[in-house]
Amino acid sequence: MDDCDTYALCGAYGSCKIDESPKCWCLKGFTPKHSQEWENLDWSNGCVRTTPLDCRKDIFVKYYGVKLPDTNNFWFNKTMNLQECKEVCKKNCSCTSYSNLDIREGGSGCLLWFGELIDIRELKQNGQDLYIRMAASESDLLQSKWKKHKLFVGLAISLAVVSPCLVLTFCILQNKRKKMKHLEAPILYPCMFFDHIFVLAAGKDDSFETGENSGCQKEDLELPVFDLGTIAIATNNFSDENKLGEGGFGPVYKAWRLFIGDRSLELLDEFIASYKTAEVLRSIHVALLCVQQCPEDRPSMSAVIMMLGSDNELPSPKEPGFSMKGS
């Protein structure tokens, strides 16, 4: 038992989310009936529609992973499929929502609600899909939670790979433009990056080479010089207590070796019990495109979102820029 098990805690068209504060929220397309009461954490009067219904033009919006509303005013049929259920609800202007009666084996049967929807809560597991009657104008405003979920999973995996590279890139760009002159022999320049020290080698031509097979032009860079003693003092002799976090090019070098060996799924966290293989592989593929050596080979953020949200064929990634080599 938890607070969300309290009957009608969030009122009509309110949804209880046990892990959030406040616990009660209006479903999308609805707003608190009395804002002042909600500010005082009194949700009993629930929510009202932001746009009135028009029975002839209404649509049904899918809400994922919820506990179905109270069934005081309902109707059911055991033999109908979901499409037939929708048609029956659509023809009856008093019908406010519909769902499968039985979710086993892909779902079957029909369950209709009439009047206000009460006692809804979001569930992390074993939730059902609920189709709620909404004004036609809400169709562009209510984005599918499933699409959001796909984007979230994809972006999370991509950012886990891309973030370390962005930090290193920032470190380099901050010291760009000024040439190093009068160098008789290569000098090592460490760049502190989380718990790693990346060393770039500058030669007599005062430039850094950013990869043998990338095709990128050489860039003139200036990086600050720190001797090993200075770094040891600053980090208390490289103590674990001074770590800012784990990071570096290790995961990228790993996300590439496994990718070219058709073993990308080995990157998946062992604690993730349920996933779609195609989505995981696509997310890893997009992540590798984001860490290409040459900036022109990397997709923009809008392109990344499009890639993760569609099934279109993706370009093949080149070897990512996970290493720096002296000239």
Protein backbone atom coordinates (compact mmCIF):
# COMPACT_ATOMS: atom_id res chain seq x y z
CA MET A 1 0.00 0.00 0.00
CA ASP A 2 1.12 3.55 -0.76
CA ASP A 3 -0.50 6.97 -1.06
CA CYS A 4 -1.53 6.33 -4.66
CA ASP A 5 -3.68 3.42 -3.47
CA THR A 6 -5.97 5.94 -1.75
CA TYR A 7 -9.23 5.89 -3.70
CA ALA A 8 -9.74 8.95 -5.97
CA LEU A 9 -6.75 10.72 -4.39
CA CYS A 10 -6.21 12.89 -7.48
CA GLY A 11 -9.85 13.41 -8.41
CA ALA A 12 -11.36 13.21 -11.89
CA TYR A 13 -8.84 13.04 -14.77
CA GLY A 14 -5.97 13.22 -12.28
CA SER A 15 -3.15 10.68 -12.26
CA CYS A 16 -1.10 9.64 -9.25
CA LYS A 17 2.69 9.24 -9.67
CA ILE A 18 4.12 7.80 -6.48
CA ASP A 19 7.74 8.76 -7.23
CA GLU A 20 7.02 12.43 -7.95
CA SER A 21 6.24 15.45 -5.84
CA PRO A 22 3.48 16.44 -5.80
CA LYS A 23 2.03 12.98 -6.38
CA CYS A 24 -1.03 14.14 -8.33
CA TRP A 25 -0.93 15.52 -11.86
CA CYS A 26 -3.61 16.27 -14.42
CA LEU A 27 -3.60 14.04 -17.47
CA LYS A 28 -2.34 15.80 -20.58
CA GLY A 29 -5.12 17.84 -22.10
CA PHE A 30 -6.58 18.61 -18.65
CA THR A 31 -5.95 21.33 -16.07
CA PRO A 32 -6.74 21.61 -12.31
CA LYS A 33 -10.38 22.49 -11.67
CA HIS A 34 -9.35 24.74 -8.78
CA SER A 35 -5.72 25.83 -9.06
CA GLN A 36 -5.55 27.21 -5.53
CA GLU A 37 -6.63 23.88 -4.07
CA TRP A 38 -3.92 22.06 -6.04
CA GLU A 39 -1.32 24.49 -4.78
CA ASN A 40 -2.43 23.51 -1.27
CA LEU A 41 -2.10 19.81 -2.21
CA ASP A 42 -5.87 19.29 -2.20
CA TRP A 43 -6.54 17.36 -5.40
CA SER A 44 -10.00 16.02 -4.56
CA ASN A 45 -11.84 18.16 -7.14
CA GLY A 46 -9.62 16.83 -9.88
CA CYS A 47 -9.09 18.25 -13.34
CA VAL A 48 -11.17 19.56 -16.25
CA ARG A 49 -10.59 19.55 -20.00
CA THR A 50 -8.65 22.41 -21.54
CA THR A 51 -10.71 22.06 -24.75
CA PRO A 52 -14.42 21.07 -24.80
CA LEU A 53 -15.41 17.92 -26.69
CA ASP A 54 -17.24 17.86 -30.02
CA CYS A 55 -18.72 14.38 -30.32
CA ARG A 56 -18.59 14.31 -34.13
CA LYS A 57 -14.91 15.29 -34.31
CA ASP A 58 -13.45 13.82 -31.13
CA ILE A 59 -10.35 11.62 -31.20
CA PHE A 60 -8.97 9.06 -28.76
CA VAL A 61 -5.53 9.55 -27.23
CA LYS A 62 -3.57 6.58 -25.93
CA TYR A 63 -2.16 6.72 -22.39
CA TYR A 64 0.41 4.03 -21.62
CA GLY A 65 1.11 2.06 -18.45
CA VAL A 66 -1.75 3.11 -16.17
CA LYS A 67 -4.02 1.47 -13.64
CA LEU A 68 -7.45 1.55 -15.26
CA PRO A 69 -10.02 4.00 -13.83
CA ASP A 70 -12.78 3.14 -11.38
CA THR A 71 -15.48 0.99 -13.02
CA ASN A 72 -18.61 2.28 -11.29
CA ASN A 73 -20.06 3.40 -14.61
CA PHE A 74 -18.90 1.03 -17.33
CA TRP A 75 -19.90 -1.51 -19.98
CA PHE A 76 -18.01 -4.50 -21.32
CA ASN A 77 -18.07 -7.12 -24.05
CA LYS A 78 -15.88 -10.22 -24.09
CA THR A 79 -15.86 -10.88 -27.84
CA MET A 80 -15.07 -7.48 -29.39
CA ASN A 81 -11.59 -6.53 -30.56
CA LEU A 82 -10.01 -3.16 -29.80
CA GLN A 83 -11.03 -1.53 -33.09
CA GLU A 84 -14.66 -2.56 -32.61
CA CYS A 85 -14.46 -1.24 -29.07
CA LYS A 86 -13.29 2.12 -30.38
CA GLU A 87 -16.13 2.35 -32.88
CA VAL A 88 -18.75 1.64 -30.21
CA CYS A 89 -17.28 4.28 -27.90
CA LYS A 90 -16.96 6.82 -30.72
CA LYS A 91 -20.65 6.53 -31.61
CA ASN A 92 -21.75 7.13 -28.02
CA CYS A 93 -21.03 10.73 -26.97
CA SER A 94 -21.27 9.72 -23.30
CA CYS A 95 -18.39 7.26 -23.67
CA THR A 96 -15.24 8.89 -22.32
CA SER A 97 -12.71 6.08 -22.64
CA TYR A 98 -12.11 2.49 -23.76
CA SER A 99 -9.60 -0.31 -23.28
CA ASN A 100 -9.11 -4.04 -23.72
CA LEU A 101 -11.00 -6.12 -21.20
CA ASP A 102 -8.25 -8.76 -21.15
CA ILE A 103 -4.62 -7.85 -21.92
CA ARG A 104 -3.39 -11.43 -22.26
CA GLU A 105 -2.15 -12.68 -25.66
CA GLY A 106 -2.24 -9.27 -27.31
CA GLY A 107 -5.50 -8.16 -25.74
CA SER A 108 -9.16 -8.98 -26.31
CA GLY A 109 -12.61 -7.86 -25.30
CA CYS A 110 -13.93 -4.34 -24.77
CA LEU A 111 -14.31 -2.15 -21.69
CA LEU A 112 -16.02 1.26 -21.95
CA TRP A 113 -16.24 4.06 -19.38
CA PHE A 114 -19.00 6.65 -19.14
CA GLY A 115 -18.68 9.92 -17.23
CA GLU A 116 -15.59 11.21 -15.45
CA LEU A 117 -12.49 8.99 -15.11
CA ILE A 118 -11.46 8.55 -11.49
CA ASP A 119 -8.69 6.75 -9.58
CA ILE A 120 -6.01 6.61 -12.29
CA ARG A 121 -2.35 6.06 -11.44
CA GLU A 122 0.78 5.46 -13.47
CA LEU A 123 2.49 2.10 -13.02
CA LYS A 124 6.09 1.13 -13.70
CA GLN A 125 5.06 -2.45 -14.36
CA ASN A 126 1.92 -4.26 -15.49
CA GLY A 127 0.16 -1.07 -16.55
CA GLN A 128 -2.50 -1.10 -19.27
CA ASP A 129 -3.23 1.13 -22.26
CA LEU A 130 -6.16 3.50 -21.89
CA TYR A 131 -7.75 5.40 -24.78
CA ILE A 132 -9.38 8.66 -23.64
CA ARG A 133 -11.79 10.75 -25.71
CA MET A 134 -10.20 14.15 -26.45
CA ALA A 135 -10.98 17.18 -28.58
CA ALA A 136 -9.61 16.91 -32.12
CA SER A 137 -7.44 19.98 -31.52
CA GLU A 138 -5.42 18.04 -28.92
CA SER A 139 -3.94 15.64 -31.47
CA ASP A 140 -0.87 17.79 -32.15
CA LEU A 141 -0.32 18.58 -28.48
CA LEU A 142 -0.29 15.09 -27.04
CA GLN A 143 2.86 13.23 -28.01
CA SER A 144 2.86 9.47 -27.66
CA LYS A 145 4.59 8.34 -24.48
CA TRP A 146 6.02 5.44 -26.42
CA LYS A 147 7.80 7.81 -28.78
CA LYS A 148 9.14 9.66 -25.78
CA HIS A 149 10.29 6.40 -24.28
CA LYS A 150 12.13 5.41 -27.46
CA LEU A 151 13.83 8.78 -27.64
CA PHE A 152 14.75 8.66 -23.97
CA VAL A 153 16.37 5.22 -24.23
CA GLY A 154 18.15 6.16 -27.44
CA LEU A 155 19.42 9.50 -26.18
CA ALA A 156 20.51 8.00 -22.86
CA ILE A 157 22.70 5.44 -24.61
CA SER A 158 24.00 8.03 -27.09
CA LEU A 159 24.85 10.59 -24.41
CA ALA A 160 26.64 7.96 -22.33
CA VAL A 161 29.05 7.50 -25.23
CA VAL A 162 29.14 11.07 -26.54
CA SER A 163 29.51 13.05 -23.27
CA PRO A 164 33.15 12.14 -22.58
CA CYS A 165 34.06 13.15 -26.12
CA LEU A 166 32.30 16.49 -25.79
CA VAL A 167 34.28 17.31 -22.65
CA LEU A 168 37.59 16.50 -24.32
CA THR A 169 36.59 18.50 -27.39
CA PHE A 170 35.82 21.47 -25.14
CA CYS A 171 39.22 21.11 -23.51
CA ILE A 172 40.93 21.26 -26.90
CA LEU A 173 38.81 24.06 -28.38
CA GLN A 174 39.47 26.27 -25.36
CA ASN A 175 43.14 26.25 -26.28
CA LYS A 176 42.77 26.52 -30.05
CA ARG A 177 44.12 29.10 -32.52
CA LYS A 178 47.57 30.00 -31.15
CA LYS A 179 50.52 28.20 -32.74
CA MET A 180 53.27 26.61 -30.75
CA LYS A 181 56.62 27.89 -32.07
CA HIS A 182 60.30 27.05 -31.83
CA LEU A 183 59.81 23.42 -30.84
CA GLU A 184 62.95 21.33 -31.40
CA ALA A 185 61.39 18.01 -30.36
CA PRO A 186 57.94 16.71 -29.56
CA ILE A 187 56.63 17.90 -26.19
CA LEU A 188 53.84 16.16 -24.32
CA TYR A 189 50.81 18.18 -23.20
CA PRO A 190 48.42 16.49 -20.75
CA CYS A 191 44.72 17.38 -20.79
CA MET A 192 42.93 16.49 -17.55
CA PHE A 193 39.72 14.66 -18.35
CA PHE A 194 37.93 13.04 -15.38
CA ASP A 195 40.31 10.35 -14.09
CA HIS A 196 42.40 10.22 -17.29
CA ILE A 197 45.31 12.38 -18.45
CA PHE A 198 45.27 12.66 -22.22
CA VAL A 199 48.63 13.58 -23.74
CA LEU A 200 48.87 15.32 -27.10
CA ALA A 201 52.23 15.49 -28.87
CA ALA A 202 53.31 18.62 -30.76
CA GLY A 203 56.08 18.38 -33.34
CA LYS A 204 58.22 20.93 -35.16
CA ASP A 205 55.37 21.87 -37.50
CA ASP A 206 53.47 23.19 -34.43
CA SER A 207 50.35 21.16 -35.16
CA PHE A 208 48.42 18.19 -33.84
CA GLU A 209 47.29 15.36 -36.07
CA THR A 210 43.82 14.15 -35.22
CA GLY A 211 43.87 10.68 -36.72
CA GLU A 212 45.49 8.89 -39.64
CA ASN A 213 42.41 7.77 -41.55
CA SER A 214 39.95 10.53 -40.74
CA GLY A 215 40.68 12.83 -43.67
CA CYS A 216 40.40 15.82 -41.35
CA GLN A 217 42.76 18.74 -41.79
CA LYS A 218 45.44 19.38 -39.20
CA GLU A 219 44.60 22.00 -36.62
CA ASP A 220 46.95 24.40 -34.85
CA LEU A 221 46.44 24.06 -31.10
CA GLU A 222 47.97 25.43 -27.95
CA LEU A 223 47.55 23.45 -24.76
CA PRO A 224 48.83 24.31 -21.29
CA VAL A 225 51.91 22.38 -20.15
CA PHE A 226 51.91 20.64 -16.75
CA ASP A 227 54.77 18.54 -15.46
CA LEU A 228 53.98 15.25 -13.74
CA GLY A 229 54.88 16.61 -10.30
CA THR A 230 52.33 19.43 -10.59
CA ILE A 231 49.60 17.01 -11.61
CA ALA A 232 50.48 14.60 -8.79
CA ILE A 233 50.23 17.41 -6.22
CA ALA A 234 46.94 18.69 -7.63
CA THR A 235 45.39 15.21 -7.50
CA ASN A 236 46.94 14.14 -4.17
CA ASN A 237 49.07 11.61 -6.00
CA PHE A 238 46.17 10.58 -8.26
CA SER A 239 43.97 9.65 -5.31
CA ASP A 240 40.56 8.09 -6.01
CA GLU A 241 39.08 10.70 -3.65
CA ASN A 242 39.78 13.35 -6.28
CA LYS A 243 37.94 11.60 -9.08
CA LEU A 244 35.28 13.68 -10.77
CA GLY A 245 33.74 10.54 -12.27
CA GLU A 246 34.52 7.79 -14.71
CA GLY A 247 35.07 8.70 -18.33
CA GLY A 248 37.42 8.82 -21.27
CA PHE A 249 37.61 7.17 -24.65
CA GLY A 250 37.55 3.64 -23.21
CA PRO A 251 33.79 3.14 -23.77
CA VAL A 252 34.02 4.52 -27.31
CA TYR A 253 36.94 2.30 -28.20
CA LYS A 254 34.97 -0.63 -26.65
CA ALA A 255 31.28 0.78 -28.45
CA TRP A 256 33.58 0.53 -31.85
CA ARG A 257 35.40 -2.93 -31.39
CA LEU A 258 32.12 -4.59 -30.42
CA PHE A 259 30.22 -2.83 -33.23
CA ILE A 260 32.55 -3.99 -36.01
CA GLY A 261 32.47 -7.47 -34.48
CA ASP A 262 28.64 -7.59 -34.53
CA ARG A 263 28.63 -7.81 -30.72
CA SER A 264 27.03 -4.44 -29.88
CA LEU A 265 24.50 -6.00 -27.49
CA GLU A 266 27.36 -6.75 -25.07
CA LEU A 267 27.32 -3.01 -24.23
CA LEU A 268 23.84 -3.33 -22.72
CA ASP A 269 23.64 -3.08 -18.94
CA GLU A 270 23.11 -6.55 -17.50
CA PHE A 271 20.37 -5.21 -15.20
CA ILE A 272 18.12 -4.22 -18.12
CA ALA A 273 15.72 -7.14 -18.27
CA SER A 274 13.40 -6.00 -21.03
CA TYR A 275 14.40 -4.28 -24.25
CA LYS A 276 13.91 -4.31 -28.00
CA THR A 277 17.06 -5.48 -29.77
CA ALA A 278 16.48 -3.33 -32.86
CA GLU A 279 16.16 -0.17 -30.77
CA VAL A 280 19.32 -0.87 -28.74
CA LEU A 281 21.37 -1.59 -31.87
CA ARG A 282 20.03 1.54 -33.57
CA SER A 283 20.88 3.70 -30.55
CA ILE A 284 24.46 2.39 -30.46
CA HIS A 285 24.78 2.96 -34.22
CA VAL A 286 23.62 6.59 -33.82
CA ALA A 287 25.96 7.09 -30.87
CA LEU A 288 28.95 6.06 -33.01
CA LEU A 289 27.89 8.53 -35.71
CA CYS A 290 27.97 11.25 -33.03
CA VAL A 291 31.65 10.61 -32.22
CA GLN A 292 33.07 10.62 -35.74
CA GLN A 293 36.52 12.18 -36.06
CA CYS A 294 35.47 14.89 -38.52
CA PRO A 295 32.72 17.31 -37.42
CA GLU A 296 31.12 17.18 -40.88
CA ASP A 297 30.54 13.44 -40.43
CA ARG A 298 28.57 13.93 -37.20
CA PRO A 299 24.77 14.34 -37.35
CA SER A 300 23.11 17.42 -35.88
CA MET A 301 20.93 17.04 -32.78
CA SER A 302 17.77 17.33 -34.86
CA ALA A 303 19.11 14.62 -37.19
CA VAL A 304 19.86 12.41 -34.17
CA ILE A 305 16.26 12.74 -32.98
CA MET A 306 14.98 11.88 -36.45
CA MET A 307 17.29 8.86 -36.63
CA LEU A 308 16.15 7.54 -33.26
CA GLY A 309 12.48 8.11 -34.00
CA SER A 310 12.37 6.40 -37.40
CA ASP A 311 13.33 3.14 -39.06
CA ASN A 312 15.18 4.72 -42.00
CA GLU A 313 18.52 3.23 -43.03
CA LEU A 314 21.49 4.77 -41.20
CA PRO A 315 24.85 5.69 -42.76
CA SER A 316 27.76 3.46 -41.79
CA PRO A 317 30.02 5.03 -39.13
CA LYS A 318 33.73 5.40 -39.73
CA GLU A 319 36.28 4.63 -37.07
CA PRO A 320 35.54 7.15 -34.26
CA GLY A 321 38.11 9.61 -32.94
CA PHE A 322 38.97 7.72 -29.76
CA SER A 323 42.71 8.32 -29.96
CA MET A 324 45.06 11.21 -30.59
CA LYS A 325 48.42 10.66 -32.25
CA GLY A 326 51.42 12.93 -32.32
CA SER A 327 52.67 14.29 -35.64
